Amino acid sequence: MAVMGVQMVVTLLVASIMQRVSPHCSLARWLLCNGSLFRYKHPTEDELRTLSGKPKPKAKKERRMNGITEEKPLTVPRDIDLHLDATPITAVDALVLRYFLEYQWFIDFSLYSTIIYLFTEGYYCLVDAQNEINIGVLWCLMTVIFSIKILFTMMKHYFRSEEGGERSVCLTFAFFFMLIAMIVMIIREEYLEFGLEPGINSICHNLDILLKQQGWQLSVPFIKLGFKIALVALCSFLGACLTFPGLRLAQTHLDALKMAADRPMLQLLLHASFLPPVIVVVLWIRPITRDFLLNAPMGKDTVQLMSHSTYNTFRLWIIVILCLLRLSLTRFHLQAYLGIASRWVEQMKREAGRISMLEIQRKISRIFCYLTVVALQYLAPIIFTLHCVLLLKSMGDYSWGLFPEPVGFTPVVEPSTAPPIASSEEEEDSEDVQIAVEQIIGALGAFRNIFSSIFFRGLFGFLTWWVSVCQIVTSLFGLYFHQYLGAS
């Protein structure tokens, strides 16, 4: 039981705290209900009648006595002098939000997962823990899986819509990203340095050794082709899931810039937060970044600004800082989304004709009800990218540059010795648990022997890069749509 002692205790402690504290103190709930976000309340029917100058409707009994039985839809002129009241979002207001429980659970789980990862990183820096399993890696891996699940849930919400062509948009971008992924797969490592090809070769080599011991033969070309086809399918799926988050990011970015028109420093930060996907994509283009920094031209000579390991550490820190920058500007993007209600009313006033009272109330209420959907669309790609980078560091055997590079988390199973004779039921239970732990560690050791750090460097580096590519494509299309197509 000493194999995962300290890490297991901390994990159980954090899980217990998460279960007890989340109902009372939640980061996700605080993000929406700390008083910094303001929603717009829809006007009541009486307020709309007063603004339009309509008399109060007669009672049903009086209407039946006068022979009026048919109720006509209540409409008002579009150019009425309507002003919406803003009020801070409270915890009671948040209960009506769409997917609020999923949003709260996912954000809180991501926070606790990051805390456990930070603890394990500090633990590995201070203690020689090469015989232990890095539990922080397992939590980060679960966070990545849950991020994909959340994005898929959001995509299903749009995919099932019968109005607006959301289904066609998802399918179009899915096929478009599949085409881009197939093109990326044939680019040589001299230009895009993911390390996928060396990673696949290492898997094939390890599998070949393992299967030859069993008397089997491995078809290397078939394994490579199957892996690349599966990766292209995953890229297409992720591209479809990230389509509407990218379109929404473009809209909230434009609205946030308008909201901060009189604050140049905030506008600068908003522009900086829109560029991280571009920077991440460039970091894996070898001729622009690694080759330039390792052989920087200085007149007729070249100067090496940093080593290969330093560049790997530099790239990890840059992505983490960019993710933190985006997280720090979450409130401004959410408030910009909530401001759609006020801007829609101002646009309605410039139009001619009449509009039903129910449509006004429904439009303003719907904007607020989808606040958590917008929050998930903004936060899920950031959390996905951040935890992919954390996995890239740990499973790829990189270093943060603060301490000597860790040995890794490959579990080492010591030779088994003859178990002592059980003298009580507690000793028998302890032996059973010890045997189960050794079996799990042995399985993980065999898994790590097949999937080496070279493979994980290529896989998580590619996933980090691909998410940024999807965000660039969808957000740029969203900027074009909202500025030109949507305006027309």
Foldseek 3Di string as FASTA:
>chain_A
DVQCPPLVVVVVVLVVCCVPCLVPDFPLQCLQQVQLFKFWAFDDPVVQCVQQVHDDDDDPVVCVVVVHDDDDFAKGWLQGPDDTDIDGDHPVNLVLAPCSVVLRVLVRLLVSLVVSQVVLVVVLQVDVNQQHFSVSLVSLVVNLVSLLVLLVVLLVVQCPDPPDCSVVQLVVQLVVQLVVLVVVVPDDCLFFVLLQVVQLVLLQVLVQVVVVVVVDHDDSVVSVVVVSVVVSNVLSSLLSSLQVLLLLLLQLLVLLCVVCVVPVVVNVLSVLLLCLLVVLLQLRGCVRPVVCQQFPDDPPGTDRNDDPLVSLLVSLVVLLVSLVSLVVCLSSSLNSLSCVLVVVSVVSSVDGDMDGSVVNNVVSVVSSSHSSVNSSSSNSLSSSLNSLSSSLCQQLQHDNPPGPGGPHHQRDQDDDDDDDDDPDPVSVVVVVVVVVVSVVSVVSNSVCSSRDSSNSSSPSSVVSSSSSVSSVVSNVVSNCCVVPVVVD
